[in-house]
Amino acid sequence: MKKILFFALNSSWSQSNLALKYMRQMVSGMDYTLIEHSATLSEPLTHVLADVYALKPEVICLSAYIWNRLSLQRIASELGKVLPETLFVVGGPEAYAFEGMQSCLVIKGAGEAAFHALAETGFDPSFDVSIIAHLPLSDIPFPYNEADLAELEDHLVYYECYRGCPYHCVYCLSASDERKELRFDLNKPEEKERLIAELNALSALKPRTLKFIDRSFNIHKDLAHLIWDYAIKSHAKHDFHFEIYPDLLSDEDIALLSKAPENRIRFEIGIQSVNEDVLLRSGRKSDWQKSRHYLNRLREETKVRIHADLLVGLPGGDFQSVIHSLNELCKTRPAAVQLGMLKVLPDTPMLEIAHARGYQWLDDPPYQILKSDALSYDEICYLDDLAHLLSLYWNKEEFAELWDELLDEFSAREILETLMQLHQEQKQPYHSISRLHREQNMQEAKARLRASIKTSNFLVD
């Protein structure tokens, strides 16, 4: 009986790996011994090697992403020396990088059906997995079981109801994904019952957060409302995280979400830019006026926690466009603001656009841009510093009242730039400073900004 190891290399102890749970369920009941093991990026390589070697697996299943691929390649390479007879099966967005590795079989795209077929061959390394048609999401087994509680309690647990996305943002892995696969047909009562049963099973795992990985979760309003209503009425102690598309928000959504208790629902909302031309060049159509309206209503009328994203480096997005987007978004006071640096991902239309427009970016993951057609490296470094300051002073939600007070008088850029000057004067990094120092810097920034107004008024007078 072959021993299969599902090895997850996670970013932190609280993360989990949904893809490997799917693969496990696809071979459950077959004549194999199934083992699961996880490690984090911070663990010493020699410890990871020793732990995996002790399990003596004959097949090792890996899931590769931009944040773990380089480490995973090194681990697999070293394991190959001490486990020379072991077959590695690799899937995930970065699996292509393992092609050519000795004793390695790569599965591209949705891998559930291919993995099952491979298992039926006894894991024959010569088997061509590319000929296997993928299973629709509705036919894939529920990825978790009761025994997962010991592993997943107080962790991030991932779940999906839909595969595909009708939008074609050029920087996204879903840009070329034409699937429209719903897990449930809500027109059938038994399918609603199956959905509720799966949600109950997920809550029974006692996660820290139940994170839905569906792109633009609110595309399917009936499904979204059913699950939001479940979350609102749930007695679970965890919260529910959804990535939503801002233009699809409606008054009906606000009415339902206004019933949610505090710390129950979190939204990740990709604004990316408030510049319509930049968005159109990015394959994204969005109305900032409408988005702003509903961002404000979510803050004023609901207890939903909002995490809003902007992207630096979109085609044609210059420095002033990014700053204007930052200032505009911060006026809506989301709980967290992420000013992210664009990543030029393989297998996305952004790769061709970046070549055509003369971008420069990191050769290896995370493929972050160094310069764009409209931003110099100096400007990107400055904006990256602003991003770190947002994480340090805004996203910790320690000084919300002070931010509200300052934003009534100053722009987000003015506040963050004043904090930047303080850090430079005090030779403080943009991370890892105490709450006391953060509070002192906020108060000093407030004093300096107020003093600058008085000085300006004096000069004018």
Protein backbone atom coordinates (compact mmCIF):
# COMPACT_ATOMS: atom_id res chain seq x y z
CA MET A 1 0.00 0.00 0.00
CA LYS A 2 1.69 3.21 -1.19
CA LYS A 3 2.07 6.05 1.26
CA ILE A 4 0.98 9.46 -0.10
CA LEU A 5 2.04 12.61 1.71
CA PHE A 6 0.09 15.83 1.21
CA PHE A 7 2.70 18.42 2.19
CA ALA A 8 1.59 22.02 2.66
CA LEU A 9 4.18 24.78 2.90
CA ASN A 10 2.24 27.67 4.42
CA SER A 11 3.10 31.32 4.96
CA SER A 12 2.27 31.11 8.68
CA TRP A 13 0.99 28.63 11.25
CA SER A 14 -2.59 29.93 10.89
CA GLN A 15 -2.84 29.27 7.15
CA SER A 16 -4.17 26.06 5.59
CA ASN A 17 -4.19 24.57 2.10
CA LEU A 18 -7.52 23.93 0.38
CA ALA A 19 -6.06 22.39 -2.79
CA LEU A 20 -4.40 19.52 -0.92
CA LYS A 21 -7.64 18.82 0.97
CA TYR A 22 -9.41 18.42 -2.37
CA MET A 23 -6.71 16.02 -3.59
CA ARG A 24 -6.94 14.00 -0.40
CA GLN A 25 -10.69 13.60 -0.82
CA MET A 26 -10.29 12.55 -4.46
CA VAL A 27 -8.34 9.44 -3.41
CA SER A 28 -10.12 8.78 -0.14
CA GLY A 29 -11.25 5.15 -0.08
CA MET A 30 -8.59 4.02 -2.54
CA ASP A 31 -5.88 1.56 -1.53
CA TYR A 32 -3.38 4.12 -0.24
CA THR A 33 -2.11 5.31 3.11
CA LEU A 34 -2.80 9.06 3.27
CA ILE A 35 -0.63 11.32 5.42
CA GLU A 36 -0.76 15.08 5.88
CA HIS A 37 2.02 17.33 7.07
CA SER A 38 2.55 21.08 7.01
CA ALA A 39 5.40 23.49 7.65
CA THR A 40 5.83 27.25 7.45
CA LEU A 41 8.28 29.36 5.48
CA SER A 42 10.05 30.34 8.69
CA GLU A 43 11.01 26.79 9.68
CA PRO A 44 14.64 25.71 9.16
CA LEU A 45 15.12 23.68 6.00
CA THR A 46 16.92 20.87 7.82
CA HIS A 47 13.98 20.46 10.22
CA VAL A 48 11.49 20.28 7.36
CA LEU A 49 13.61 17.71 5.52
CA ALA A 50 13.97 15.54 8.62
CA ASP A 51 10.23 15.66 9.38
CA VAL A 52 9.25 14.64 5.85
CA TYR A 53 11.97 11.99 5.59
CA ALA A 54 10.75 10.36 8.80
CA LEU A 55 7.37 9.76 7.16
CA LYS A 56 8.99 7.77 4.29
CA PRO A 57 6.40 8.77 1.66
CA GLU A 58 6.43 7.19 -1.79
CA VAL A 59 4.43 10.07 -3.30
CA ILE A 60 4.67 13.70 -2.15
CA CYS A 61 1.95 16.13 -3.26
CA LEU A 62 2.82 19.83 -3.34
CA SER A 63 0.86 22.99 -4.13
CA ALA A 64 2.98 25.87 -5.48
CA TYR A 65 2.15 29.59 -5.27
CA ILE A 66 4.13 32.81 -5.76
CA TRP A 67 4.73 33.10 -2.01
CA ASN A 68 6.09 29.57 -1.47
CA ARG A 69 7.41 28.36 -4.82
CA LEU A 70 11.10 29.18 -4.36
CA SER A 71 11.21 27.57 -0.93
CA LEU A 72 9.19 24.61 -2.17
CA GLN A 73 11.60 24.05 -5.05
CA ARG A 74 14.53 23.96 -2.67
CA ILE A 75 12.76 21.56 -0.31
CA ALA A 76 11.77 19.24 -3.17
CA SER A 77 15.29 19.29 -4.59
CA GLU A 78 16.87 18.36 -1.26
CA LEU A 79 14.22 15.73 -0.50
CA GLY A 80 15.00 14.13 -3.84
CA LYS A 81 18.51 13.39 -2.56
CA VAL A 82 17.37 11.50 0.54
CA LEU A 83 14.18 10.03 -0.96
CA PRO A 84 15.38 9.17 -4.50
CA GLU A 85 12.53 6.74 -5.21
CA THR A 86 9.79 9.22 -4.26
CA LEU A 87 7.51 10.74 -6.91
CA PHE A 88 6.63 14.42 -6.53
CA VAL A 89 3.22 15.55 -7.84
CA VAL A 90 2.97 19.34 -8.08
CA GLY A 91 -0.03 21.55 -8.81
CA GLY A 92 -0.96 25.19 -8.30
CA PRO A 93 -0.32 28.43 -10.22
CA GLU A 94 3.48 28.06 -10.00
CA ALA A 95 3.62 24.34 -10.81
CA TYR A 96 5.07 25.03 -14.27
CA ALA A 97 8.41 25.90 -12.60
CA PHE A 98 8.83 22.25 -11.54
CA GLU A 99 8.74 20.93 -15.10
CA GLY A 100 11.96 19.09 -15.85
CA MET A 101 12.64 18.22 -12.22
CA GLN A 102 13.62 14.58 -11.80
CA SER A 103 10.85 12.26 -10.53
CA CYS A 104 8.28 15.05 -10.75
CA LEU A 105 4.88 15.13 -12.40
CA VAL A 106 3.20 18.51 -12.93
CA ILE A 107 -0.58 18.99 -13.03
CA LYS A 108 -1.71 22.25 -14.64
CA GLY A 109 -5.07 23.88 -14.03
CA ALA A 110 -7.85 22.29 -11.98
CA GLY A 111 -6.26 19.08 -10.78
CA GLU A 112 -8.91 17.00 -9.03
CA ALA A 113 -9.84 14.71 -11.92
CA ALA A 114 -6.25 14.40 -13.14
CA PHE A 115 -5.03 13.48 -9.67
CA HIS A 116 -7.72 10.84 -9.27
CA ALA A 117 -6.84 9.35 -12.65
CA LEU A 118 -3.14 9.35 -11.76
CA ALA A 119 -3.91 7.53 -8.50
CA GLU A 120 -5.83 4.89 -10.48
CA THR A 121 -2.60 4.13 -12.39
CA GLY A 122 -0.72 3.56 -9.14
CA PHE A 123 1.03 6.92 -9.70
CA ASP A 124 2.69 5.90 -12.94
CA PRO A 125 5.12 8.79 -13.68
CA SER A 126 4.69 8.29 -17.44
CA PHE A 127 0.93 8.89 -17.27
CA ASP A 128 -0.21 11.92 -19.29
CA VAL A 129 -2.45 13.85 -16.86
CA SER A 130 -3.17 16.54 -19.47
CA ILE A 131 -5.62 14.26 -21.32
CA ILE A 132 -8.02 14.12 -18.36
CA ALA A 133 -11.04 16.43 -18.53
CA HIS A 134 -11.53 18.43 -15.36
CA LEU A 135 -14.43 17.89 -12.99
CA PRO A 136 -16.92 20.73 -12.50
CA LEU A 137 -16.93 22.16 -9.00
CA SER A 138 -20.39 20.73 -8.29
CA ASP A 139 -18.99 17.18 -8.64
CA ILE A 140 -15.94 17.62 -6.43
CA PRO A 141 -16.27 16.18 -2.92
CA PHE A 142 -16.49 18.46 0.11
CA PRO A 143 -12.82 18.99 1.00
CA TYR A 144 -12.95 18.61 4.79
CA ASN A 145 -13.88 15.96 7.36
CA GLU A 146 -14.47 15.92 11.11
CA ALA A 147 -10.93 14.77 11.85
CA ASP A 148 -9.60 18.06 10.41
CA LEU A 149 -10.73 19.86 13.57
CA ALA A 150 -7.46 19.01 15.33
CA GLU A 151 -5.49 20.68 12.53
CA LEU A 152 -7.75 23.57 11.54
CA GLU A 153 -9.18 24.93 14.79
CA ASP A 154 -8.26 28.65 15.06
CA HIS A 155 -6.82 28.61 11.53
CA LEU A 156 -7.82 30.25 8.27
CA VAL A 157 -10.10 27.77 6.50
CA TYR A 158 -10.78 28.26 2.78
CA TYR A 159 -13.92 27.39 0.83
CA GLU A 160 -15.40 28.13 -2.59
CA CYS A 161 -18.85 28.18 -4.17
CA TYR A 162 -17.91 29.33 -7.67
CA ARG A 163 -15.04 28.94 -10.13
CA GLY A 164 -14.48 31.52 -12.83
CA CYS A 165 -14.96 35.27 -13.09
CA PRO A 166 -16.90 37.33 -15.66
CA TYR A 167 -14.39 40.15 -15.35
CA HIS A 168 -11.06 40.07 -17.13
CA CYS A 169 -8.67 42.21 -15.11
CA VAL A 170 -5.36 41.85 -16.93
CA TYR A 171 -3.27 41.31 -13.79
CA CYS A 172 -5.41 38.49 -12.38
CA LEU A 173 -4.98 34.73 -12.80
CA SER A 174 -8.70 34.57 -13.59
CA ALA A 175 -8.32 36.86 -16.62
CA SER A 176 -8.37 33.90 -19.01
CA ASP A 177 -10.62 31.65 -16.93
CA GLU A 178 -13.81 31.06 -18.90
CA ARG A 179 -15.36 28.68 -16.37
CA LYS A 180 -18.74 29.48 -14.87
CA GLU A 181 -19.00 26.68 -12.35
CA LEU A 182 -21.37 26.96 -9.42
CA ARG A 183 -21.06 24.40 -6.65
CA PHE A 184 -24.78 24.56 -5.92
CA ASP A 185 -27.95 24.92 -7.98
CA LEU A 186 -30.11 26.96 -5.63
CA ASN A 187 -33.20 26.24 -7.71
CA LYS A 188 -33.18 22.77 -6.15
CA PRO A 189 -34.18 22.51 -2.47
CA GLU A 190 -31.78 19.61 -1.91
CA GLU A 191 -28.91 21.75 -3.17
CA LYS A 192 -29.73 24.48 -0.64
CA GLU A 193 -29.74 21.82 2.04
CA ARG A 194 -26.33 20.58 0.86
CA LEU A 195 -24.94 24.12 1.02
CA ILE A 196 -26.21 24.63 4.57
CA ALA A 197 -24.81 21.23 5.58
CA GLU A 198 -21.39 22.18 4.23
CA LEU A 199 -21.49 25.56 5.99
CA ASN A 200 -22.37 23.78 9.23
CA ALA A 201 -19.47 21.38 8.73
CA LEU A 202 -17.11 24.29 8.13
CA SER A 203 -18.22 26.06 11.30
CA ALA A 204 -17.75 22.81 13.23
CA LEU A 205 -14.03 23.05 12.39
CA LYS A 206 -13.92 26.16 14.64
CA PRO A 207 -11.78 28.23 12.27
CA ARG A 208 -10.43 31.67 13.09
CA THR A 209 -11.80 32.88 9.77
CA LEU A 210 -13.83 31.13 7.09
CA LYS A 211 -12.52 32.67 3.88
CA PHE A 212 -14.45 32.32 0.63
CA ILE A 213 -11.98 32.36 -2.25
CA ASP A 214 -14.58 33.02 -4.97
CA ARG A 215 -13.59 35.88 -7.25
CA SER A 216 -16.15 38.67 -6.92
CA PHE A 217 -18.32 36.69 -4.52
CA ASN A 218 -21.38 38.91 -5.01
CA ILE A 219 -21.72 38.09 -8.73
CA HIS A 220 -24.44 35.63 -7.75
CA LYS A 221 -26.71 37.71 -5.55
CA ASP A 222 -29.04 34.91 -4.44
CA LEU A 223 -26.11 32.78 -3.34
CA ALA A 224 -24.43 35.73 -1.63
CA HIS A 225 -27.59 36.66 0.26
CA LEU A 226 -28.19 33.10 1.38
CA ILE A 227 -24.66 32.80 2.78
CA TRP A 228 -24.63 36.29 4.30
CA ASP A 229 -27.93 35.50 5.98
CA TYR A 230 -26.42 32.26 7.31
CA ALA A 231 -23.41 34.19 8.64
CA ILE A 232 -25.60 36.83 10.26
CA LYS A 233 -27.72 34.24 12.06
CA SER A 234 -24.83 31.95 12.91
CA HIS A 235 -23.72 31.44 16.51
CA ALA A 236 -20.21 30.61 15.32
CA LYS A 237 -17.35 32.51 16.92
CA HIS A 238 -15.42 32.85 13.66
CA ASP A 239 -15.87 35.56 11.06
CA PHE A 240 -16.71 35.17 7.35
CA HIS A 241 -14.45 36.75 4.72
CA PHE A 242 -15.63 37.55 1.17
CA GLU A 243 -13.96 39.22 -1.81
CA ILE A 244 -16.62 41.34 -3.48
CA TYR A 245 -16.92 43.54 -6.56
CA PRO A 246 -17.88 47.08 -5.47
CA ASP A 247 -20.03 48.00 -8.48
CA LEU A 248 -22.41 45.13 -7.72
CA LEU A 249 -23.38 46.43 -4.28
CA SER A 250 -27.01 47.52 -3.92
CA ASP A 251 -29.46 48.98 -1.41
CA GLU A 252 -30.79 45.46 -0.89
CA ASP A 253 -27.32 44.32 0.14
CA ILE A 254 -27.00 47.14 2.65
CA ALA A 255 -30.39 46.31 4.16
CA LEU A 256 -29.33 42.70 4.74
CA LEU A 257 -25.78 43.47 5.89
CA SER A 258 -27.04 46.05 8.40
CA LYS A 259 -28.25 43.06 10.46
CA ALA A 260 -24.78 41.55 10.81
CA PRO A 261 -23.26 41.68 14.31
CA GLU A 262 -19.83 43.17 14.82
CA ASN A 263 -16.85 40.99 13.83
CA ARG A 264 -19.02 38.60 11.83
CA ILE A 265 -18.50 39.64 8.16
CA ARG A 266 -15.40 41.00 6.44
CA PHE A 267 -15.25 42.30 2.87
CA GLU A 268 -12.16 42.56 0.72
CA ILE A 269 -12.98 45.16 -1.93
CA GLY A 270 -10.66 45.73 -4.87
CA ILE A 271 -10.87 49.37 -5.90
CA GLN A 272 -7.40 49.27 -7.54
CA SER A 273 -7.74 52.85 -8.88
CA VAL A 274 -10.32 55.63 -9.01
CA ASN A 275 -9.01 56.60 -12.46
CA GLU A 276 -11.47 55.28 -15.04
CA ASP A 277 -8.96 55.36 -17.91
CA VAL A 278 -6.41 53.37 -15.93
CA LEU A 279 -9.06 50.81 -15.01
CA LEU A 280 -10.19 50.43 -18.62
CA ARG A 281 -6.60 49.81 -19.72
CA SER A 282 -6.49 47.14 -17.02
CA GLY A 283 -9.58 45.35 -18.35
CA ARG A 284 -11.64 46.54 -15.42
CA LYS A 285 -14.75 48.69 -15.65
CA SER A 286 -15.77 50.34 -12.40
CA ASP A 287 -17.63 53.46 -11.32
CA TRP A 288 -15.77 55.12 -8.47
CA GLN A 289 -18.71 57.37 -7.59
CA LYS A 290 -20.94 54.34 -7.04
CA SER A 291 -18.21 52.44 -5.21
CA ARG A 292 -17.57 55.39 -2.92
CA HIS A 293 -21.28 55.71 -2.19
CA TYR A 294 -21.53 52.09 -1.04
CA LEU A 295 -18.24 52.13 0.83
CA ASN A 296 -19.59 55.02 2.86
CA ARG A 297 -22.90 53.28 3.42
CA LEU A 298 -21.22 50.09 4.54
CA ARG A 299 -19.28 52.11 7.11
CA GLU A 300 -22.24 54.18 8.26
CA GLU A 301 -25.05 51.58 8.21
CA THR A 302 -23.37 48.22 8.86
CA LYS A 303 -20.75 46.61 11.08
CA VAL A 304 -19.06 44.90 8.13
CA ARG A 305 -15.28 45.27 8.30
CA ILE A 306 -13.88 46.64 5.04
CA HIS A 307 -10.43 45.88 3.63
CA ALA A 308 -9.98 47.97 0.47
CA ASP A 309 -7.20 47.51 -2.09
CA LEU A 310 -5.35 49.79 -4.51
CA LEU A 311 -2.73 48.70 -7.04
CA VAL A 312 0.44 50.60 -7.92
CA GLY A 313 1.68 50.10 -11.48
CA LEU A 314 -1.45 49.58 -13.54
CA PRO A 315 -0.98 50.48 -17.23
CA GLY A 316 -0.71 54.26 -17.58
CA GLY A 317 -1.22 54.84 -13.85
CA ASP A 318 1.22 57.61 -12.94
CA PHE A 319 2.26 58.94 -9.53
CA GLN A 320 -0.46 61.56 -9.27
CA SER A 321 -3.13 59.03 -10.25
CA VAL A 322 -2.05 56.70 -7.45
CA ILE A 323 -1.90 59.49 -4.88
CA HIS A 324 -5.33 60.76 -5.91
CA SER A 325 -6.73 57.23 -5.59
CA LEU A 326 -5.17 56.87 -2.15
CA ASN A 327 -6.57 60.18 -0.94
CA GLU A 328 -10.03 59.41 -2.30
CA LEU A 329 -10.18 55.89 -0.87
CA CYS A 330 -8.98 56.97 2.58
CA LYS A 331 -11.83 59.49 2.77
CA THR A 332 -14.24 56.54 2.95
CA ARG A 333 -12.42 55.29 6.08
CA PRO A 334 -12.23 51.54 5.44
CA ALA A 335 -10.87 49.51 8.34
CA ALA A 336 -7.81 48.55 6.29
CA VAL A 337 -6.21 50.03 3.17
CA GLN A 338 -3.72 48.01 1.16
CA LEU A 339 -1.59 49.91 -1.32
CA GLY A 340 -0.22 46.93 -3.22
CA MET A 341 2.58 46.84 -5.76
CA LEU A 342 1.50 45.19 -9.03
CA LYS A 343 2.85 41.71 -9.72
CA VAL A 344 3.40 40.69 -13.34
CA LEU A 345 2.14 37.12 -13.07
CA PRO A 346 2.88 34.49 -15.73
CA ASP A 347 -0.19 33.25 -17.60
CA THR A 348 -1.93 36.63 -17.32
CA PRO A 349 -2.46 39.25 -20.06
CA MET A 350 -0.39 41.63 -17.91
CA LEU A 351 2.77 39.81 -18.95
CA GLU A 352 2.38 40.80 -22.61
CA ILE A 353 1.27 44.32 -21.68
CA ALA A 354 4.29 44.75 -19.40
CA HIS A 355 6.67 43.69 -22.17
CA ALA A 356 4.98 46.04 -24.66
CA ARG A 357 5.02 49.01 -22.27
CA GLY A 358 8.60 48.56 -21.10
CA TYR A 359 7.97 47.48 -17.52
CA GLN A 360 10.72 46.07 -15.33
CA TRP A 361 9.90 43.53 -12.61
CA LEU A 362 11.43 40.82 -10.45
CA ASP A 363 12.40 37.72 -12.42
CA ASP A 364 11.28 35.38 -9.63
CA PRO A 365 8.19 35.32 -7.41
CA PRO A 366 6.53 37.52 -6.35
CA TYR A 367 7.25 39.18 -9.77
CA GLN A 368 6.74 42.64 -8.26
CA ILE A 369 7.25 45.62 -10.56
CA LEU A 370 10.38 47.76 -10.34
CA LYS A 371 9.16 50.37 -12.81
CA SER A 372 6.20 50.79 -15.14
CA ASP A 373 5.42 52.82 -18.23
CA ALA A 374 4.33 55.69 -15.97
CA LEU A 375 6.25 55.19 -12.69
CA SER A 376 9.96 55.35 -11.98
CA TYR A 377 11.67 53.06 -9.49
CA ASP A 378 12.09 56.05 -7.13
CA GLU A 379 8.33 56.66 -7.23
CA ILE A 380 7.53 53.01 -6.64
CA CYS A 381 9.90 52.92 -3.64
CA TYR A 382 8.17 56.02 -2.22
CA LEU A 383 4.72 54.49 -2.71
CA ASP A 384 5.90 51.23 -1.16
CA ASP A 385 7.00 53.22 1.91
CA LEU A 386 3.51 54.73 2.09
CA ALA A 387 2.10 51.19 1.93
CA HIS A 388 4.21 50.14 4.93
CA LEU A 389 3.12 53.23 6.86
CA LEU A 390 -0.52 52.40 6.15
CA SER A 391 0.03 48.93 7.59
CA LEU A 392 1.75 50.38 10.64
CA TYR A 393 -0.59 53.28 11.45
CA TRP A 394 -3.93 52.60 9.76
CA ASN A 395 -4.52 48.89 9.39
CA LYS A 396 -3.92 48.09 13.05
CA GLU A 397 -7.05 50.19 13.78
CA GLU A 398 -5.44 51.75 16.86
CA PHE A 399 -5.96 55.43 16.07
CA ALA A 400 -9.24 55.51 14.14
CA GLU A 401 -10.56 58.64 15.89
CA LEU A 402 -7.32 60.50 15.30
CA TRP A 403 -7.31 59.51 11.63
CA ASP A 404 -10.91 60.73 11.31
CA GLU A 405 -9.96 64.04 12.87
CA LEU A 406 -6.93 64.55 10.64
CA LEU A 407 -8.68 63.46 7.43
CA ASP A 408 -11.23 66.22 7.97
CA GLU A 409 -8.37 68.69 7.49
CA PHE A 410 -5.62 66.95 5.54
CA SER A 411 -5.16 64.39 2.79
CA ALA A 412 -3.98 60.87 3.50
CA ARG A 413 -0.79 61.60 1.56
CA GLU A 414 -0.02 64.65 3.76
CA ILE A 415 -0.51 62.63 6.95
CA LEU A 416 1.54 59.67 5.74
CA GLU A 417 4.31 61.88 4.39
CA THR A 418 4.59 63.64 7.76
CA LEU A 419 4.88 60.26 9.46
CA MET A 420 7.52 59.30 6.90
CA GLN A 421 9.55 62.40 7.79
CA LEU A 422 9.35 61.51 11.48
CA HIS A 423 10.61 58.00 10.80
CA GLN A 424 13.48 59.33 8.74
CA GLU A 425 14.46 61.87 11.39
CA GLN A 426 14.37 59.22 14.13
CA LYS A 427 15.93 56.54 11.90
CA GLN A 428 12.97 54.27 12.62
CA PRO A 429 12.08 51.43 10.24
CA TYR A 430 8.60 51.31 8.71
CA HIS A 431 7.80 48.22 10.75
CA SER A 432 8.30 46.67 14.17
CA ILE A 433 7.95 49.71 16.39
CA SER A 434 5.94 49.73 19.60
CA ARG A 435 2.41 51.00 19.97
CA LEU A 436 3.71 53.73 22.28
CA HIS A 437 6.08 55.01 19.59
CA ARG A 438 3.33 54.79 16.99
CA GLU A 439 1.02 56.88 19.16
CA GLN A 440 3.75 59.44 19.85
CA ASN A 441 4.43 59.72 16.12
CA MET A 442 0.73 60.18 15.33
CA GLN A 443 0.45 62.97 17.89
CA GLU A 444 3.62 64.63 16.63
CA ALA A 445 2.37 64.38 13.03
CA LYS A 446 -0.88 66.01 14.11
CA ALA A 447 1.02 68.85 15.78
CA ARG A 448 3.24 69.43 12.76
CA LEU A 449 0.33 69.42 10.32
CA ARG A 450 -1.61 71.89 12.47
CA ALA A 451 1.49 74.07 12.77
CA SER A 452 1.89 74.05 9.01
CA ILE A 453 -1.61 75.51 8.65
CA LYS A 454 -0.84 78.29 11.10
CA THR A 455 2.42 79.05 9.33
CA SER A 456 0.67 79.17 5.96
CA ASN A 457 -2.02 81.48 7.31
CA PHE A 458 0.62 83.73 8.84
CA LEU A 459 2.50 83.95 5.53
CA VAL A 460 -0.72 84.75 3.69
CA ASP A 461 -1.70 87.43 6.20
